[in-house]
Amino acid sequence: MENITGLTLGGGVWTPEFATVLDPKKCIGCGRCFKVCPRDVLDLIDRGEDMELDDDEDYDEDDTASVMTLANPRDCIGCGACGRVCPKGCYSYAAMPVQP
């Protein structure tokens, strides 16, 4: 099946890659991605017991109270802004097939 594509202003073909996974174990809840997302895809939630940080990470307790989540992933436009500002590399992306 063919992936979703678009055209750049210069006429080049562009294949957007959409945020598919946000790793809660890497997320420090800084909110940078939330601030740059143009489509209200993300939400900051309380970190649950099943979302503890990786053991090799060293953060203050106050920094780990919240974590970002993909609240509305179907609203993602594939701009990638969230991943570019994320200091911990929490995001995974994938191209998506055209839906009939």
C-alpha atoms as a PDB file:
ATOM      1  CA  MET A   1       0.000   0.000   0.000  1.00  0.00           C
ATOM      2  CA  GLU A   2       1.195   3.518  -0.788  1.00  0.00           C
ATOM      3  CA  ASN A   3       2.186   5.918   2.020  1.00  0.00           C
ATOM      4  CA  ILE A   4       0.716   9.362   2.569  1.00  0.00           C
ATOM      5  CA  THR A   5       2.753  11.955   0.682  1.00  0.00           C
ATOM      6  CA  GLY A   6       2.622  15.677   0.084  1.00  0.00           C
ATOM      7  CA  LEU A   7       4.480  18.297  -1.895  1.00  0.00           C
ATOM      8  CA  THR A   8       6.908  20.889  -0.618  1.00  0.00           C
ATOM      9  CA  LEU A   9       6.610  24.509  -1.751  1.00  0.00           C
ATOM     10  CA  GLY A  10       9.355  23.754  -4.259  1.00  0.00           C
ATOM     11  CA  GLY A  11       7.390  20.831  -5.718  1.00  0.00           C
ATOM     12  CA  GLY A  12       9.390  18.038  -4.119  1.00  0.00           C
ATOM     13  CA  VAL A  13       7.626  14.962  -2.762  1.00  0.00           C
ATOM     14  CA  TRP A  14       7.555  14.755   1.030  1.00  0.00           C
ATOM     15  CA  THR A  15       6.529  11.709   3.074  1.00  0.00           C
ATOM     16  CA  PRO A  16       5.499  12.764   6.585  1.00  0.00           C
ATOM     17  CA  GLU A  17       6.408  10.497   9.471  1.00  0.00           C
ATOM     18  CA  PHE A  18       3.852  10.567  12.260  1.00  0.00           C
ATOM     19  CA  ALA A  19       4.519  10.228  16.006  1.00  0.00           C
ATOM     20  CA  THR A  20       3.561   6.643  16.811  1.00  0.00           C
ATOM     21  CA  VAL A  21       5.232   6.012  20.177  1.00  0.00           C
ATOM     22  CA  LEU A  22       6.304   8.194  23.080  1.00  0.00           C
ATOM     23  CA  ASP A  23       8.498   6.253  25.517  1.00  0.00           C
ATOM     24  CA  PRO A  24       7.284   7.189  29.043  1.00  0.00           C
ATOM     25  CA  LYS A  25      10.432   5.743  30.637  1.00  0.00           C
ATOM     26  CA  LYS A  26      12.580   8.310  28.830  1.00  0.00           C
ATOM     27  CA  CYS A  27      10.205  11.277  29.216  1.00  0.00           C
ATOM     28  CA  ILE A  28      11.133  13.817  31.906  1.00  0.00           C
ATOM     29  CA  GLY A  29       7.907  15.822  31.548  1.00  0.00           C
ATOM     30  CA  CYS A  30       9.665  19.031  30.500  1.00  0.00           C
ATOM     31  CA  GLY A  31       6.772  20.116  28.244  1.00  0.00           C
ATOM     32  CA  ARG A  32       8.922  21.303  25.326  1.00  0.00           C
ATOM     33  CA  CYS A  33       7.103  19.054  22.870  1.00  0.00           C
ATOM     34  CA  PHE A  34       3.719  20.172  24.187  1.00  0.00           C
ATOM     35  CA  LYS A  35       4.618  23.800  23.515  1.00  0.00           C
ATOM     36  CA  VAL A  36       5.647  23.222  19.886  1.00  0.00           C
ATOM     37  CA  CYS A  37       2.891  20.810  18.808  1.00  0.00           C
ATOM     38  CA  PRO A  38       0.530  22.689  16.464  1.00  0.00           C
ATOM     39  CA  ARG A  39      -2.300  20.131  16.669  1.00  0.00           C
ATOM     40  CA  ASP A  40      -3.036  19.352  20.352  1.00  0.00           C
ATOM     41  CA  VAL A  41      -1.671  15.811  19.991  1.00  0.00           C
ATOM     42  CA  LEU A  42       0.037  15.686  23.402  1.00  0.00           C
ATOM     43  CA  ASP A  43      -1.059  15.837  27.031  1.00  0.00           C
ATOM     44  CA  LEU A  44       0.877  15.928  30.301  1.00  0.00           C
ATOM     45  CA  ILE A  45      -0.307  13.280  32.776  1.00  0.00           C
ATOM     46  CA  ASP A  46       0.798  12.025  36.188  1.00  0.00           C
ATOM     47  CA  ARG A  47       3.493   9.369  35.946  1.00  0.00           C
ATOM     48  CA  GLY A  48       2.077   6.028  37.084  1.00  0.00           C
ATOM     49  CA  GLU A  49       3.980   3.338  38.920  1.00  0.00           C
ATOM     50  CA  ASP A  50       4.297   1.401  35.653  1.00  0.00           C
ATOM     51  CA  MET A  51       6.023   4.400  34.041  1.00  0.00           C
ATOM     52  CA  GLU A  52       9.056   4.765  36.317  1.00  0.00           C
ATOM     53  CA  LEU A  53      12.249   6.182  34.821  1.00  0.00           C
ATOM     54  CA  ASP A  54      15.014   3.905  33.615  1.00  0.00           C
ATOM     55  CA  ASP A  55      17.326   2.934  36.498  1.00  0.00           C
ATOM     56  CA  ASP A  56      20.350   4.487  34.803  1.00  0.00           C
ATOM     57  CA  GLU A  57      18.731   7.951  34.686  1.00  0.00           C
ATOM     58  CA  ASP A  58      19.425  10.454  37.460  1.00  0.00           C
ATOM     59  CA  TYR A  59      16.655  13.031  38.002  1.00  0.00           C
ATOM     60  CA  ASP A  60      15.202  14.899  40.943  1.00  0.00           C
ATOM     61  CA  GLU A  61      11.908  13.551  42.274  1.00  0.00           C
ATOM     62  CA  ASP A  62      10.152  16.796  41.267  1.00  0.00           C
ATOM     63  CA  ASP A  63      11.192  16.294  37.635  1.00  0.00           C
ATOM     64  CA  THR A  64       9.522  12.876  37.414  1.00  0.00           C
ATOM     65  CA  ALA A  65       5.990  13.666  38.650  1.00  0.00           C
ATOM     66  CA  SER A  66       4.535  13.987  35.142  1.00  0.00           C
ATOM     67  CA  VAL A  67       5.036  12.470  31.718  1.00  0.00           C
ATOM     68  CA  MET A  68       3.870  13.410  28.233  1.00  0.00           C
ATOM     69  CA  THR A  69       1.499  11.120  26.369  1.00  0.00           C
ATOM     70  CA  LEU A  70       0.093  10.882  22.846  1.00  0.00           C
ATOM     71  CA  ALA A  71      -3.450  11.927  23.782  1.00  0.00           C
ATOM     72  CA  ASN A  72      -4.709  12.479  20.218  1.00  0.00           C
ATOM     73  CA  PRO A  73      -2.263  10.652  17.914  1.00  0.00           C
ATOM     74  CA  ARG A  74      -4.687  10.688  14.966  1.00  0.00           C
ATOM     75  CA  ASP A  75      -4.381  14.510  14.908  1.00  0.00           C
ATOM     76  CA  CYS A  76      -0.612  14.338  14.238  1.00  0.00           C
ATOM     77  CA  ILE A  77       0.381  15.998  10.943  1.00  0.00           C
ATOM     78  CA  GLY A  78       3.878  14.502  10.824  1.00  0.00           C
ATOM     79  CA  CYS A  79       5.817  17.744  11.246  1.00  0.00           C
ATOM     80  CA  GLY A  80       8.316  16.165  13.685  1.00  0.00           C
ATOM     81  CA  ALA A  81       8.606  19.285  15.864  1.00  0.00           C
ATOM     82  CA  CYS A  82       8.107  17.236  19.036  1.00  0.00           C
ATOM     83  CA  GLY A  83      11.103  15.026  18.337  1.00  0.00           C
ATOM     84  CA  ARG A  84      13.349  17.926  17.365  1.00  0.00           C
ATOM     85  CA  VAL A  85      12.868  19.635  20.756  1.00  0.00           C
ATOM     86  CA  CYS A  86      12.841  16.481  22.905  1.00  0.00           C
ATOM     87  CA  PRO A  87      16.065  16.347  24.948  1.00  0.00           C
ATOM     88  CA  LYS A  88      15.673  12.617  25.671  1.00  0.00           C
ATOM     89  CA  GLY A  89      14.710  11.181  22.266  1.00  0.00           C
ATOM     90  CA  CYS A  90      11.356   9.864  23.488  1.00  0.00           C
ATOM     91  CA  TYR A  91       9.583   9.750  20.119  1.00  0.00           C
ATOM     92  CA  SER A  92       9.335   7.101  17.409  1.00  0.00           C
ATOM     93  CA  TYR A  93       7.892   7.898  13.997  1.00  0.00           C
ATOM     94  CA  ALA A  94       6.533   6.024  11.007  1.00  0.00           C
ATOM     95  CA  ALA A  95       5.121   6.812   7.599  1.00  0.00           C
ATOM     96  CA  MET A  96       1.460   5.829   7.298  1.00  0.00           C
ATOM     97  CA  PRO A  97      -0.369   4.202   4.402  1.00  0.00           C
ATOM     98  CA  VAL A  98      -3.128   6.078   2.581  1.00  0.00           C
ATOM     99  CA  GLN A  99      -6.503   5.057   4.025  1.00  0.00           C
ATOM    100  CA  PRO A 100      -9.187   4.247   1.426  1.00  0.00           C
END
